[in-house]
């Protein structure tokens, strides 16, 4: 795995699909999981012009700590001319993103295949 990041560590599995880095969040993404994920997320989002896919398909719980991870990744990537694509099939998480006005920011798609086909969101 590039970026010196182990591919699998607890709540996180990192792999490459079609030349793109995919971070799968697994299980309950709460404050404890976020503290474990954050250093790996920072390592993956450090290079310039990175395209990152975060896949929430394997999550069983996703709270504001998970949202903070998404916002952190998106901010870091935008600062480096990169982009975040999101896979999110869970209705409750999608509803939370919608209520908070974040669906336009993250452009969630229901599957990894859909996400990889999707064009990158326009830059502000």
PDB file of N, CA and C in Angstrom:
ATOM      1  N   UNK A   1       0.843  -1.188   0.000  1.00  0.00           N
ATOM      2  CA  UNK A   1       0.000   0.000   0.000  1.00  0.00           C
ATOM      3  C   UNK A   1       0.871   1.228   0.000  1.00  0.00           C
ATOM      4  N   UNK A   2       0.516   2.195  -0.784  1.00  0.00           N
ATOM      5  CA  UNK A   2       1.265   3.438  -0.829  1.00  0.00           C
ATOM      6  C   UNK A   2       0.993   4.268   0.422  1.00  0.00           C
ATOM      7  N   UNK A   3       1.678   5.362   0.543  1.00  0.00           N
ATOM      8  CA  UNK A   3       1.542   6.305   1.639  1.00  0.00           C
ATOM      9  C   UNK A   3       2.049   5.737   2.957  1.00  0.00           C
ATOM     10  N   UNK A   4       2.699   4.587   2.984  1.00  0.00           N
ATOM     11  CA  UNK A   4       3.200   4.002   4.216  1.00  0.00           C
ATOM     12  C   UNK A   4       2.097   3.658   5.200  1.00  0.00           C
ATOM     13  N   UNK A   5       0.899   3.383   4.715  1.00  0.00           N
ATOM     14  CA  UNK A   5      -0.249   3.104   5.563  1.00  0.00           C
ATOM     15  C   UNK A   5      -0.585   1.620   5.477  1.00  0.00           C
ATOM     16  N   UNK A   6      -0.696   0.937   6.637  1.00  0.00           N
ATOM     17  CA  UNK A   6      -1.091  -0.465   6.577  1.00  0.00           C
ATOM     18  C   UNK A   6      -2.476  -0.603   5.948  1.00  0.00           C
ATOM     19  N   UNK A   7      -2.691  -1.656   5.137  1.00  0.00           N
ATOM     20  CA  UNK A   7      -3.960  -1.778   4.428  1.00  0.00           C
ATOM     21  C   UNK A   7      -5.160  -2.071   5.318  1.00  0.00           C
ATOM     22  N   UNK A   8      -4.947  -2.713   6.475  1.00  0.00           N
ATOM     23  CA  UNK A   8      -6.089  -3.056   7.315  1.00  0.00           C
ATOM     24  C   UNK A   8      -5.733  -2.809   8.777  1.00  0.00           C
ATOM     25  N   UNK A   9      -6.540  -2.017   9.427  1.00  0.00           N
ATOM     26  CA  UNK A   9      -6.314  -1.722  10.839  1.00  0.00           C
ATOM     27  C   UNK A   9      -7.662  -1.467  11.509  1.00  0.00           C
ATOM     28  N   UNK A  10      -8.243  -2.492  12.112  1.00  0.00           N
ATOM     29  CA  UNK A  10      -9.485  -2.336  12.865  1.00  0.00           C
ATOM     30  C   UNK A  10     -10.659  -1.868  12.044  1.00  0.00           C
ATOM     31  N   UNK A  11     -11.012  -0.610  12.216  1.00  0.00           N
ATOM     32  CA  UNK A  11     -12.190  -0.029  11.562  1.00  0.00           C
ATOM     33  C   UNK A  11     -11.911   0.462  10.145  1.00  0.00           C
ATOM     34  N   UNK A  12     -10.731   0.159   9.629  1.00  0.00           N
ATOM     35  CA  UNK A  12     -10.335   0.724   8.351  1.00  0.00           C
ATOM     36  C   UNK A  12      -9.636  -0.315   7.480  1.00  0.00           C
ATOM     37  N   UNK A  13     -10.011  -0.348   6.211  1.00  0.00           N
ATOM     38  CA  UNK A  13      -9.330  -1.174   5.221  1.00  0.00           C
ATOM     39  C   UNK A  13      -9.016  -0.277   4.034  1.00  0.00           C
ATOM     40  N   UNK A  14      -7.752  -0.211   3.654  1.00  0.00           N
ATOM     41  CA  UNK A  14      -7.323   0.650   2.553  1.00  0.00           C
ATOM     42  C   UNK A  14      -6.841  -0.221   1.408  1.00  0.00           C
ATOM     43  N   UNK A  15      -7.344   0.056   0.208  1.00  0.00           N
ATOM     44  CA  UNK A  15      -6.922  -0.691  -0.973  1.00  0.00           C
ATOM     45  C   UNK A  15      -7.046   0.213  -2.189  1.00  0.00           C
ATOM     46  N   UNK A  16      -6.623  -0.288  -3.339  1.00  0.00           N
ATOM     47  CA  UNK A  16      -6.704   0.477  -4.581  1.00  0.00           C
ATOM     48  C   UNK A  16      -7.622  -0.242  -5.551  1.00  0.00           C
ATOM     49  N   UNK A  17      -8.452   0.530  -6.225  1.00  0.00           N
ATOM     50  CA  UNK A  17      -9.365   0.022  -7.248  1.00  0.00           C
ATOM     51  C   UNK A  17      -9.266   0.977  -8.433  1.00  0.00           C
ATOM     52  N   UNK A  18      -8.972   0.442  -9.584  1.00  0.00           N
ATOM     53  CA  UNK A  18      -8.843   1.237 -10.809  1.00  0.00           C
ATOM     54  C   UNK A  18      -7.916   2.437 -10.599  1.00  0.00           C
ATOM     55  N   UNK A  19      -6.831   2.208  -9.884  1.00  0.00           N
ATOM     56  CA  UNK A  19      -5.838   3.247  -9.666  1.00  0.00           C
ATOM     57  C   UNK A  19      -6.220   4.295  -8.635  1.00  0.00           C
ATOM     58  N   UNK A  20      -7.310   4.081  -7.930  1.00  0.00           N
ATOM     59  CA  UNK A  20      -7.768   5.041  -6.926  1.00  0.00           C
ATOM     60  C   UNK A  20      -7.692   4.432  -5.534  1.00  0.00           C
ATOM     61  N   UNK A  21      -7.314   5.244  -4.577  1.00  0.00           N
ATOM     62  CA  UNK A  21      -7.263   4.795  -3.187  1.00  0.00           C
ATOM     63  C   UNK A  21      -8.672   4.756  -2.623  1.00  0.00           C
ATOM     64  N   UNK A  22      -9.013   3.620  -2.020  1.00  0.00           N
ATOM     65  CA  UNK A  22     -10.318   3.435  -1.388  1.00  0.00           C
ATOM     66  C   UNK A  22     -10.092   3.145   0.084  1.00  0.00           C
ATOM     67  N   UNK A  23     -10.725   3.947   0.943  1.00  0.00           N
ATOM     68  CA  UNK A  23     -10.704   3.709   2.386  1.00  0.00           C
ATOM     69  C   UNK A  23     -12.091   3.218   2.777  1.00  0.00           C
ATOM     70  N   UNK A  24     -12.164   1.958   3.201  1.00  0.00           N
ATOM     71  CA  UNK A  24     -13.435   1.416   3.685  1.00  0.00           C
ATOM     72  C   UNK A  24     -13.479   1.596   5.193  1.00  0.00           C
ATOM     73  N   UNK A  25     -14.533   2.230   5.685  1.00  0.00           N
ATOM     74  CA  UNK A  25     -14.760   2.335   7.122  1.00  0.00           C
ATOM     75  C   UNK A  25     -15.608   1.132   7.520  1.00  0.00           C
ATOM     76  N   UNK A  26     -15.198   0.414   8.574  1.00  0.00           N
ATOM     77  CA  UNK A  26     -15.883  -0.809   9.010  1.00  0.00           C
ATOM     78  C   UNK A  26     -16.450  -0.662  10.412  1.00  0.00           C
ATOM     79  N   UNK A  27     -17.618  -1.270  10.610  1.00  0.00           N
ATOM     80  CA  UNK A  27     -18.211  -1.341  11.940  1.00  0.00           C
ATOM     81  C   UNK A  27     -18.772  -0.015  12.407  1.00  0.00           C
ATOM     82  N   UNK A  28     -18.682   0.210  13.724  1.00  0.00           N
ATOM     83  CA  UNK A  28     -19.188   1.432  14.338  1.00  0.00           C
ATOM     84  C   UNK A  28     -18.156   2.540  14.213  1.00  0.00           C
ATOM     85  N   UNK A  29     -18.516   3.602  13.527  1.00  0.00           N
ATOM     86  CA  UNK A  29     -17.619   4.740  13.381  1.00  0.00           C
ATOM     87  C   UNK A  29     -18.070   5.793  14.388  1.00  0.00           C
ATOM     88  N   UNK A  30     -17.442   5.715  15.561  1.00  0.00           N
ATOM     89  CA  UNK A  30     -17.724   6.618  16.665  1.00  0.00           C
ATOM     90  C   UNK A  30     -16.427   7.316  17.045  1.00  0.00           C
ATOM     91  N   UNK A  31     -16.394   7.965  18.200  1.00  0.00           N
ATOM     92  CA  UNK A  31     -15.209   8.725  18.605  1.00  0.00           C
ATOM     93  C   UNK A  31     -13.981   7.827  18.742  1.00  0.00           C
ATOM     94  N   UNK A  32     -14.146   6.625  19.250  1.00  0.00           N
ATOM     95  CA  UNK A  32     -13.011   5.706  19.414  1.00  0.00           C
ATOM     96  C   UNK A  32     -12.463   5.296  18.055  1.00  0.00           C
ATOM     97  N   UNK A  33     -13.331   4.930  17.132  1.00  0.00           N
ATOM     98  CA  UNK A  33     -12.899   4.553  15.785  1.00  0.00           C
ATOM     99  C   UNK A  33     -12.263   5.744  15.076  1.00  0.00           C
ATOM    100  N   UNK A  34     -12.851   6.925  15.242  1.00  0.00           N
ATOM    101  CA  UNK A  34     -12.328   8.118  14.568  1.00  0.00           C
ATOM    102  C   UNK A  34     -10.898   8.416  15.011  1.00  0.00           C
ATOM    103  N   UNK A  35     -10.612   8.230  16.277  1.00  0.00           N
ATOM    104  CA  UNK A  35      -9.254   8.473  16.773  1.00  0.00           C
ATOM    105  C   UNK A  35      -8.258   7.497  16.158  1.00  0.00           C
ATOM    106  N   UNK A  36      -8.703   6.293  15.848  1.00  0.00           N
ATOM    107  CA  UNK A  36      -7.844   5.294  15.205  1.00  0.00           C
ATOM    108  C   UNK A  36      -7.678   5.600  13.717  1.00  0.00           C
ATOM    109  N   UNK A  37      -8.744   6.037  13.087  1.00  0.00           N
ATOM    110  CA  UNK A  37      -8.744   6.289  11.646  1.00  0.00           C
ATOM    111  C   UNK A  37      -8.002   7.572  11.276  1.00  0.00           C
ATOM    112  N   UNK A  38      -8.097   8.600  12.108  1.00  0.00           N
ATOM    113  CA  UNK A  38      -7.587   9.921  11.742  1.00  0.00           C
ATOM    114  C   UNK A  38      -6.124   9.945  11.290  1.00  0.00           C
ATOM    115  N   UNK A  39      -5.181   9.305  11.988  1.00  0.00           N
ATOM    116  CA  UNK A  39      -3.794   9.361  11.501  1.00  0.00           C
ATOM    117  C   UNK A  39      -3.619   8.716  10.127  1.00  0.00           C
ATOM    118  N   UNK A  40      -4.350   7.664   9.866  1.00  0.00           N
ATOM    119  CA  UNK A  40      -4.260   7.002   8.562  1.00  0.00           C
ATOM    120  C   UNK A  40      -4.904   7.866   7.483  1.00  0.00           C
ATOM    121  N   UNK A  41      -6.003   8.512   7.832  1.00  0.00           N
ATOM    122  CA  UNK A  41      -6.657   9.422   6.914  1.00  0.00           C
ATOM    123  C   UNK A  41      -5.724  10.584   6.561  1.00  0.00           C
ATOM    124  N   UNK A  42      -5.050  11.120   7.553  1.00  0.00           N
ATOM    125  CA  UNK A  42      -4.110  12.218   7.317  1.00  0.00           C
ATOM    126  C   UNK A  42      -2.957  11.787   6.418  1.00  0.00           C
ATOM    127  N   UNK A  43      -2.479  10.562   6.597  1.00  0.00           N
ATOM    128  CA  UNK A  43      -1.381  10.062   5.757  1.00  0.00           C
ATOM    129  C   UNK A  43      -1.820   9.915   4.307  1.00  0.00           C
ATOM    130  N   UNK A  44      -3.030   9.429   4.095  1.00  0.00           N
ATOM    131  CA  UNK A  44      -3.525   9.224   2.733  1.00  0.00           C
ATOM    132  C   UNK A  44      -3.838  10.556   2.050  1.00  0.00           C
ATOM    133  N   UNK A  45      -4.276  11.554   2.819  1.00  0.00           N
ATOM    134  CA  UNK A  45      -4.644  12.843   2.224  1.00  0.00           C
ATOM    135  C   UNK A  45      -3.486  13.837   2.185  1.00  0.00           C
ATOM    136  N   UNK A  46      -2.292  13.419   2.566  1.00  0.00           N
ATOM    137  CA  UNK A  46      -1.137  14.330   2.573  1.00  0.00           C
ATOM    138  C   UNK A  46      -0.607  14.689   1.187  1.00  0.00           C
ATOM    139  N   UNK A  47      -0.519  13.760   0.222  1.00  0.00           N
ATOM    140  CA  UNK A  47       0.036  14.112  -1.095  1.00  0.00           C
ATOM    141  C   UNK A  47      -0.840  15.098  -1.866  1.00  0.00           C
ATOM    142  N   UNK A  48      -0.218  15.833  -2.761  1.00  0.00           N
ATOM    143  CA  UNK A  48      -0.948  16.753  -3.629  1.00  0.00           C
ATOM    144  C   UNK A  48      -1.776  15.978  -4.654  1.00  0.00           C
ATOM    145  N   UNK A  49      -2.905  16.570  -5.040  1.00  0.00           N
ATOM    146  CA  UNK A  49      -3.766  16.057  -6.098  1.00  0.00           C
ATOM    147  C   UNK A  49      -4.191  14.601  -5.904  1.00  0.00           C
ATOM    148  N   UNK A  50      -4.535  14.254  -4.698  1.00  0.00           N
ATOM    149  CA  UNK A  50      -5.004  12.911  -4.389  1.00  0.00           C
ATOM    150  C   UNK A  50      -6.503  12.804  -4.651  1.00  0.00           C
ATOM    151  N   UNK A  51      -6.907  11.700  -5.230  1.00  0.00           N
ATOM    152  CA  UNK A  51      -8.322  11.370  -5.353  1.00  0.00           C
ATOM    153  C   UNK A  51      -8.576  10.237  -4.379  1.00  0.00           C
ATOM    154  N   UNK A  52      -9.480  10.442  -3.446  1.00  0.00           N
ATOM    155  CA  UNK A  52      -9.765   9.462  -2.412  1.00  0.00           C
ATOM    156  C   UNK A  52     -11.235   9.086  -2.459  1.00  0.00           C
ATOM    157  N   UNK A  53     -11.494   7.783  -2.363  1.00  0.00           N
ATOM    158  CA  UNK A  53     -12.859   7.279  -2.231  1.00  0.00           C
ATOM    159  C   UNK A  53     -13.002   6.752  -0.814  1.00  0.00           C
ATOM    160  N   UNK A  54     -13.998   7.247  -0.089  1.00  0.00           N
ATOM    161  CA  UNK A  54     -14.331   6.699   1.224  1.00  0.00           C
ATOM    162  C   UNK A  54     -15.610   5.893   1.048  1.00  0.00           C
ATOM    163  N   UNK A  55     -15.533   4.625   1.426  1.00  0.00           N
ATOM    164  CA  UNK A  55     -16.646   3.685   1.271  1.00  0.00           C
ATOM    165  C   UNK A  55     -17.242   3.382   2.643  1.00  0.00           C
ATOM    166  N   UNK A  56     -18.479   3.803   2.858  1.00  0.00           N
ATOM    167  CA  UNK A  56     -19.167   3.573   4.129  1.00  0.00           C
ATOM    168  C   UNK A  56     -20.036   2.319   4.102  1.00  0.00           C
ATOM    169  N   UNK A  57     -19.977   1.559   3.027  1.00  0.00           N
ATOM    170  CA  UNK A  57     -20.818   0.363   2.912  1.00  0.00           C
ATOM    171  C   UNK A  57     -20.673  -0.578   4.108  1.00  0.00           C
ATOM    172  N   UNK A  58     -19.441  -0.862   4.595  1.00  0.00           N
ATOM    173  CA  UNK A  58     -19.311  -1.804   5.713  1.00  0.00           C
ATOM    174  C   UNK A  58     -19.594  -1.208   7.096  1.00  0.00           C
ATOM    175  N   UNK A  59     -20.067   0.047   7.189  1.00  0.00           N
ATOM    176  CA  UNK A  59     -20.325   0.627   8.508  1.00  0.00           C
ATOM    177  C   UNK A  59     -21.656   0.139   9.064  1.00  0.00           C
ATOM    178  N   UNK A  60     -21.695   0.015  10.397  1.00  0.00           N
ATOM    179  CA  UNK A  60     -22.924  -0.384  11.086  1.00  0.00           C
ATOM    180  C   UNK A  60     -23.481   0.759  11.922  1.00  0.00           C
ATOM    181  N   UNK A  61     -22.656   1.775  12.161  1.00  0.00           N
ATOM    182  CA  UNK A  61     -23.051   2.955  12.932  1.00  0.00           C
ATOM    183  C   UNK A  61     -22.150   4.097  12.485  1.00  0.00           C
ATOM    184  N   UNK A  62     -22.728   5.288  12.355  1.00  0.00           N
ATOM    185  CA  UNK A  62     -21.954   6.429  11.865  1.00  0.00           C
ATOM    186  C   UNK A  62     -22.493   7.678  12.546  1.00  0.00           C
ATOM    187  N   UNK A  63     -21.671   8.301  13.404  1.00  0.00           N
ATOM    188  CA  UNK A  63     -22.144   9.481  14.117  1.00  0.00           C
ATOM    189  C   UNK A  63     -21.354  10.723  13.717  1.00  0.00           C
ATOM    190  N   UNK A  64     -21.439  11.772  14.536  1.00  0.00           N
ATOM    191  CA  UNK A  64     -20.778  13.035  14.201  1.00  0.00           C
ATOM    192  C   UNK A  64     -19.262  12.888  14.135  1.00  0.00           C
ATOM    193  N   UNK A  65     -18.700  11.905  14.805  1.00  0.00           N
ATOM    194  CA  UNK A  65     -17.256  11.658  14.699  1.00  0.00           C
ATOM    195  C   UNK A  65     -16.900  11.211  13.282  1.00  0.00           C
ATOM    196  N   UNK A  66     -17.752  10.409  12.689  1.00  0.00           N
ATOM    197  CA  UNK A  66     -17.557   9.999  11.302  1.00  0.00           C
ATOM    198  C   UNK A  66     -17.708  11.172  10.352  1.00  0.00           C
ATOM    199  N   UNK A  67     -18.695  12.023  10.620  1.00  0.00           N
ATOM    200  CA  UNK A  67     -18.872  13.225   9.803  1.00  0.00           C
ATOM    201  C   UNK A  67     -17.634  14.121   9.884  1.00  0.00           C
ATOM    202  N   UNK A  68     -17.071  14.222  11.075  1.00  0.00           N
ATOM    203  CA  UNK A  68     -15.862  15.032  11.246  1.00  0.00           C
ATOM    204  C   UNK A  68     -14.719  14.471  10.398  1.00  0.00           C
ATOM    205  N   UNK A  69     -14.614  13.141  10.316  1.00  0.00           N
ATOM    206  CA  UNK A  69     -13.587  12.528   9.469  1.00  0.00           C
ATOM    207  C   UNK A  69     -13.803  12.882   7.996  1.00  0.00           C
ATOM    208  N   UNK A  70     -15.053  12.810   7.534  1.00  0.00           N
ATOM    209  CA  UNK A  70     -15.350  13.153   6.144  1.00  0.00           C
ATOM    210  C   UNK A  70     -15.000  14.611   5.855  1.00  0.00           C
ATOM    211  N   UNK A  71     -15.402  15.498   6.753  1.00  0.00           N
ATOM    212  CA  UNK A  71     -15.119  16.923   6.553  1.00  0.00           C
ATOM    213  C   UNK A  71     -13.618  17.193   6.571  1.00  0.00           C
ATOM    214  N   UNK A  72     -12.901  16.532   7.474  1.00  0.00           N
ATOM    215  CA  UNK A  72     -11.448  16.697   7.550  1.00  0.00           C
ATOM    216  C   UNK A  72     -10.778  16.230   6.255  1.00  0.00           C
ATOM    217  N   UNK A  73     -11.180  15.048   5.788  1.00  0.00           N
ATOM    218  CA  UNK A  73     -10.605  14.513   4.546  1.00  0.00           C
ATOM    219  C   UNK A  73     -10.906  15.437   3.374  1.00  0.00           C
ATOM    220  N   UNK A  74     -12.141  15.891   3.270  1.00  0.00           N
ATOM    221  CA  UNK A  74     -12.531  16.761   2.169  1.00  0.00           C
ATOM    222  C   UNK A  74     -11.740  18.070   2.201  1.00  0.00           C
ATOM    223  N   UNK A  75     -11.615  18.679   3.370  1.00  0.00           N
ATOM    224  CA  UNK A  75     -10.868  19.930   3.497  1.00  0.00           C
ATOM    225  C   UNK A  75      -9.414  19.742   3.104  1.00  0.00           C
ATOM    226  N   UNK A  76      -8.783  18.682   3.636  1.00  0.00           N
ATOM    227  CA  UNK A  76      -7.369  18.428   3.338  1.00  0.00           C
ATOM    228  C   UNK A  76      -7.163  18.173   1.842  1.00  0.00           C
ATOM    229  N   UNK A  77      -8.054  17.424   1.233  1.00  0.00           N
ATOM    230  CA  UNK A  77      -7.931  17.135  -0.196  1.00  0.00           C
ATOM    231  C   UNK A  77      -8.116  18.393  -1.044  1.00  0.00           C
ATOM    232  N   UNK A  78      -9.108  19.203  -0.723  1.00  0.00           N
ATOM    233  CA  UNK A  78      -9.338  20.437  -1.481  1.00  0.00           C
ATOM    234  C   UNK A  78      -8.140  21.379  -1.378  1.00  0.00           C
ATOM    235  N   UNK A  79      -7.520  21.437  -0.194  1.00  0.00           N
ATOM    236  CA  UNK A  79      -6.329  22.276  -0.013  1.00  0.00           C
ATOM    237  C   UNK A  79      -5.176  21.822  -0.902  1.00  0.00           C
ATOM    238  N   UNK A  80      -5.190  20.561  -1.315  1.00  0.00           N
ATOM    239  CA  UNK A  80      -4.119  19.978  -2.107  1.00  0.00           C
ATOM    240  C   UNK A  80      -4.562  19.687  -3.547  1.00  0.00           C
ATOM    241  N   UNK A  81      -5.627  20.336  -3.978  1.00  0.00           N
ATOM    242  CA  UNK A  81      -6.184  20.153  -5.328  1.00  0.00           C
ATOM    243  C   UNK A  81      -6.664  18.727  -5.564  1.00  0.00           C
ATOM    244  N   UNK A  82      -7.075  18.058  -4.525  1.00  0.00           N
ATOM    245  CA  UNK A  82      -7.595  16.704  -4.627  1.00  0.00           C
ATOM    246  C   UNK A  82      -9.112  16.689  -4.525  1.00  0.00           C
ATOM    247  N   UNK A  83      -9.673  15.494  -4.427  1.00  0.00           N
ATOM    248  CA  UNK A  83     -11.122  15.354  -4.353  1.00  0.00           C
ATOM    249  C   UNK A  83     -11.493  14.112  -3.553  1.00  0.00           C
ATOM    250  N   UNK A  84     -12.630  14.198  -2.895  1.00  0.00           N
ATOM    251  CA  UNK A  84     -13.186  13.086  -2.127  1.00  0.00           C
ATOM    252  C   UNK A  84     -14.454  12.612  -2.819  1.00  0.00           C
ATOM    253  N   UNK A  85     -14.547  11.303  -3.023  1.00  0.00           N
ATOM    254  CA  UNK A  85     -15.771  10.685  -3.508  1.00  0.00           C
ATOM    255  C   UNK A  85     -16.277   9.771  -2.403  1.00  0.00           C
ATOM    256  N   UNK A  86     -17.591   9.705  -2.242  1.00  0.00           N
ATOM    257  CA  UNK A  86     -18.179   8.978  -1.122  1.00  0.00           C
ATOM    258  C   UNK A  86     -19.132   7.896  -1.603  1.00  0.00           C
ATOM    259  N   UNK A  87     -18.976   6.694  -1.032  1.00  0.00           N
ATOM    260  CA  UNK A  87     -19.911   5.594  -1.241  1.00  0.00           C
ATOM    261  C   UNK A  87     -20.726   5.479   0.036  1.00  0.00           C
ATOM    262  N   UNK A  88     -22.046   5.589  -0.080  1.00  0.00           N
ATOM    263  CA  UNK A  88     -22.895   5.538   1.107  1.00  0.00           C
ATOM    264  C   UNK A  88     -24.273   4.998   0.746  1.00  0.00           C
ATOM    265  N   UNK A  89     -24.507   3.701   1.000  1.00  0.00           N
ATOM    266  CA  UNK A  89     -25.821   3.137   0.701  1.00  0.00           C
ATOM    267  C   UNK A  89     -26.802   3.176   1.880  1.00  0.00           C
ATOM    268  N   UNK A  90     -26.350   3.561   3.085  1.00  0.00           N
ATOM    269  CA  UNK A  90     -27.200   3.507   4.273  1.00  0.00           C
ATOM    270  C   UNK A  90     -28.160   4.697   4.333  1.00  0.00           C
ATOM    271  N   UNK A  91     -29.433   4.392   4.448  1.00  0.00           N
ATOM    272  CA  UNK A  91     -30.468   5.426   4.465  1.00  0.00           C
ATOM    273  C   UNK A  91     -30.285   6.403   5.629  1.00  0.00           C
ATOM    274  N   UNK A  92     -29.960   5.930   6.817  1.00  0.00           N
ATOM    275  CA  UNK A  92     -29.823   6.829   7.962  1.00  0.00           C
ATOM    276  C   UNK A  92     -28.654   7.791   7.790  1.00  0.00           C
ATOM    277  N   UNK A  93     -27.551   7.303   7.288  1.00  0.00           N
ATOM    278  CA  UNK A  93     -26.391   8.171   7.068  1.00  0.00           C
ATOM    279  C   UNK A  93     -26.692   9.167   5.959  1.00  0.00           C
ATOM    280  N   UNK A  94     -27.349   8.716   4.900  1.00  0.00           N
ATOM    281  CA  UNK A  94     -27.740   9.624   3.824  1.00  0.00           C
ATOM    282  C   UNK A  94     -28.690  10.704   4.335  1.00  0.00           C
ATOM    283  N   UNK A  95     -29.614  10.322   5.188  1.00  0.00           N
ATOM    284  CA  UNK A  95     -30.548  11.289   5.763  1.00  0.00           C
ATOM    285  C   UNK A  95     -29.805  12.323   6.600  1.00  0.00           C
ATOM    286  N   UNK A  96     -28.824  11.865   7.392  1.00  0.00           N
ATOM    287  CA  UNK A  96     -28.026  12.777   8.205  1.00  0.00           C
ATOM    288  C   UNK A  96     -27.266  13.763   7.306  1.00  0.00           C
ATOM    289  N   UNK A  97     -26.654  13.261   6.224  1.00  0.00           N
ATOM    290  CA  UNK A  97     -25.942  14.132   5.288  1.00  0.00           C
ATOM    291  C   UNK A  97     -26.894  15.157   4.670  1.00  0.00           C
ATOM    292  N   UNK A  98     -28.092  14.706   4.322  1.00  0.00           N
ATOM    293  CA  UNK A  98     -29.078  15.591   3.712  1.00  0.00           C
ATOM    294  C   UNK A  98     -29.532  16.678   4.697  1.00  0.00           C
ATOM    295  N   UNK A  99     -29.881  16.282   5.913  1.00  0.00           N
ATOM    296  CA  UNK A  99     -30.360  17.234   6.922  1.00  0.00           C
ATOM    297  C   UNK A  99     -29.290  18.295   7.216  1.00  0.00           C
ATOM    298  N   UNK A 100     -28.036  17.884   7.209  1.00  0.00           N
ATOM    299  CA  UNK A 100     -26.943  18.816   7.491  1.00  0.00           C
ATOM    300  C   UNK A 100     -26.476  19.587   6.255  1.00  0.00           C
ATOM    301  N   UNK A 101     -27.109  19.338   5.117  1.00  0.00           N
ATOM    302  CA  UNK A 101     -26.759  20.051   3.893  1.00  0.00           C
ATOM    303  C   UNK A 101     -25.424  19.615   3.305  1.00  0.00           C
ATOM    304  N   UNK A 102     -25.035  18.367   3.534  1.00  0.00           N
ATOM    305  CA  UNK A 102     -23.733  17.877   3.077  1.00  0.00           C
ATOM    306  C   UNK A 102     -23.795  16.980   1.841  1.00  0.00           C
ATOM    307  N   UNK A 103     -24.980  16.703   1.329  1.00  0.00           N
ATOM    308  CA  UNK A 103     -25.052  15.828   0.150  1.00  0.00           C
ATOM    309  C   UNK A 103     -24.431  16.495  -1.069  1.00  0.00           C
ATOM    310  N   UNK A 104     -24.567  17.807  -1.203  1.00  0.00           N
ATOM    311  CA  UNK A 104     -23.944  18.508  -2.329  1.00  0.00           C
ATOM    312  C   UNK A 104     -22.431  18.577  -2.180  1.00  0.00           C
ATOM    313  N   UNK A 105     -21.963  18.573  -0.970  1.00  0.00           N
ATOM    314  CA  UNK A 105     -20.519  18.604  -0.731  1.00  0.00           C
ATOM    315  C   UNK A 105     -19.877  17.263  -1.046  1.00  0.00           C
ATOM    316  N   UNK A 106     -20.521  16.163  -0.631  1.00  0.00           N
ATOM    317  CA  UNK A 106     -19.912  14.836  -0.754  1.00  0.00           C
ATOM    318  C   UNK A 106     -20.409  14.017  -1.940  1.00  0.00           C
ATOM    319  N   UNK A 107     -21.540  14.372  -2.525  1.00  0.00           N
ATOM    320  CA  UNK A 107     -22.075  13.653  -3.684  1.00  0.00           C
ATOM    321  C   UNK A 107     -22.064  12.131  -3.474  1.00  0.00           C
ATOM    322  N   UNK A 108     -22.736  11.626  -2.425  1.00  0.00           N
ATOM    323  CA  UNK A 108     -22.684  10.187  -2.161  1.00  0.00           C
ATOM    324  C   UNK A 108     -23.320   9.365  -3.280  1.00  0.00           C
ATOM    325  N   UNK A 109     -22.709   8.236  -3.564  1.00  0.00           N
ATOM    326  CA  UNK A 109     -23.233   7.274  -4.532  1.00  0.00           C
ATOM    327  C   UNK A 109     -23.501   5.969  -3.773  1.00  0.00           C
ATOM    328  N   UNK A 110     -24.433   5.145  -4.256  1.00  0.00           N
ATOM    329  CA  UNK A 110     -24.809   3.945  -3.520  1.00  0.00           C
ATOM    330  C   UNK A 110     -23.811   2.789  -3.586  1.00  0.00           C
ATOM    331  N   UNK A 111     -22.958   2.754  -4.616  1.00  0.00           N
ATOM    332  CA  UNK A 111     -22.004   1.647  -4.742  1.00  0.00           C
ATOM    333  C   UNK A 111     -20.637   2.174  -5.169  1.00  0.00           C
ATOM    334  N   UNK A 112     -19.622   1.373  -4.936  1.00  0.00           N
ATOM    335  CA  UNK A 112     -18.270   1.725  -5.365  1.00  0.00           C
ATOM    336  C   UNK A 112     -18.215   1.834  -6.889  1.00  0.00           C
ATOM    337  N   UNK A 113     -18.892   0.943  -7.571  1.00  0.00           N
ATOM    338  CA  UNK A 113     -18.933   0.978  -9.037  1.00  0.00           C
ATOM    339  C   UNK A 113     -19.515   2.297  -9.531  1.00  0.00           C
ATOM    340  N   UNK A 114     -20.627   2.731  -8.925  1.00  0.00           N
ATOM    341  CA  UNK A 114     -21.237   4.007  -9.302  1.00  0.00           C
ATOM    342  C   UNK A 114     -20.286   5.170  -9.033  1.00  0.00           C
ATOM    343  N   UNK A 115     -19.612   5.116  -7.918  1.00  0.00           N
ATOM    344  CA  UNK A 115     -18.682   6.184  -7.552  1.00  0.00           C
ATOM    345  C   UNK A 115     -17.530   6.266  -8.536  1.00  0.00           C
ATOM    346  N   UNK A 116     -16.975   5.125  -8.923  1.00  0.00           N
ATOM    347  CA  UNK A 116     -15.831   5.126  -9.829  1.00  0.00           C
ATOM    348  C   UNK A 116     -16.223   5.571 -11.238  1.00  0.00           C
ATOM    349  N   UNK A 117     -17.485   5.416 -11.595  1.00  0.00           N
ATOM    350  CA  UNK A 117     -17.964   5.886 -12.901  1.00  0.00           C
ATOM    351  C   UNK A 117     -18.279   7.380 -12.885  1.00  0.00           C
ATOM    352  N   UNK A 118     -18.593   7.884 -11.720  1.00  0.00           N
ATOM    353  CA  UNK A 118     -19.036   9.275 -11.564  1.00  0.00           C
ATOM    354  C   UNK A 118     -17.918  10.262 -11.891  1.00  0.00           C
ATOM    355  N   UNK A 119     -18.281  11.338 -12.527  1.00  0.00           N
ATOM    356  CA  UNK A 119     -17.312  12.404 -12.767  1.00  0.00           C
ATOM    357  C   UNK A 119     -17.038  13.125 -11.456  1.00  0.00           C
ATOM    358  N   UNK A 120     -15.870  13.692 -11.339  1.00  0.00           N
ATOM    359  CA  UNK A 120     -15.520  14.433 -10.137  1.00  0.00           C
ATOM    360  C   UNK A 120     -16.424  15.654  -9.991  1.00  0.00           C
ATOM    361  N   UNK A 121     -16.806  15.976  -8.738  1.00  0.00           N
ATOM    362  CA  UNK A 121     -17.621  17.179  -8.536  1.00  0.00           C
ATOM    363  C   UNK A 121     -16.836  18.426  -8.937  1.00  0.00           C
ATOM    364  N   UNK A 122     -17.557  19.419  -9.400  1.00  0.00           N
ATOM    365  CA  UNK A 122     -16.921  20.679  -9.817  1.00  0.00           C
ATOM    366  C   UNK A 122     -16.265  21.352  -8.623  1.00  0.00           C
ATOM    367  N   UNK A 123     -15.164  21.998  -8.863  1.00  0.00           N
ATOM    368  CA  UNK A 123     -14.433  22.731  -7.816  1.00  0.00           C
ATOM    369  C   UNK A 123     -15.058  24.093  -7.604  1.00  0.00           C
ATOM    370  N   UNK A 124     -14.991  24.536  -6.368  1.00  0.00           N
ATOM    371  CA  UNK A 124     -15.474  25.889  -6.055  1.00  0.00           C
ATOM    372  C   UNK A 124     -14.370  26.886  -6.289  1.00  0.00           C
TER     373      UNK A 124
END
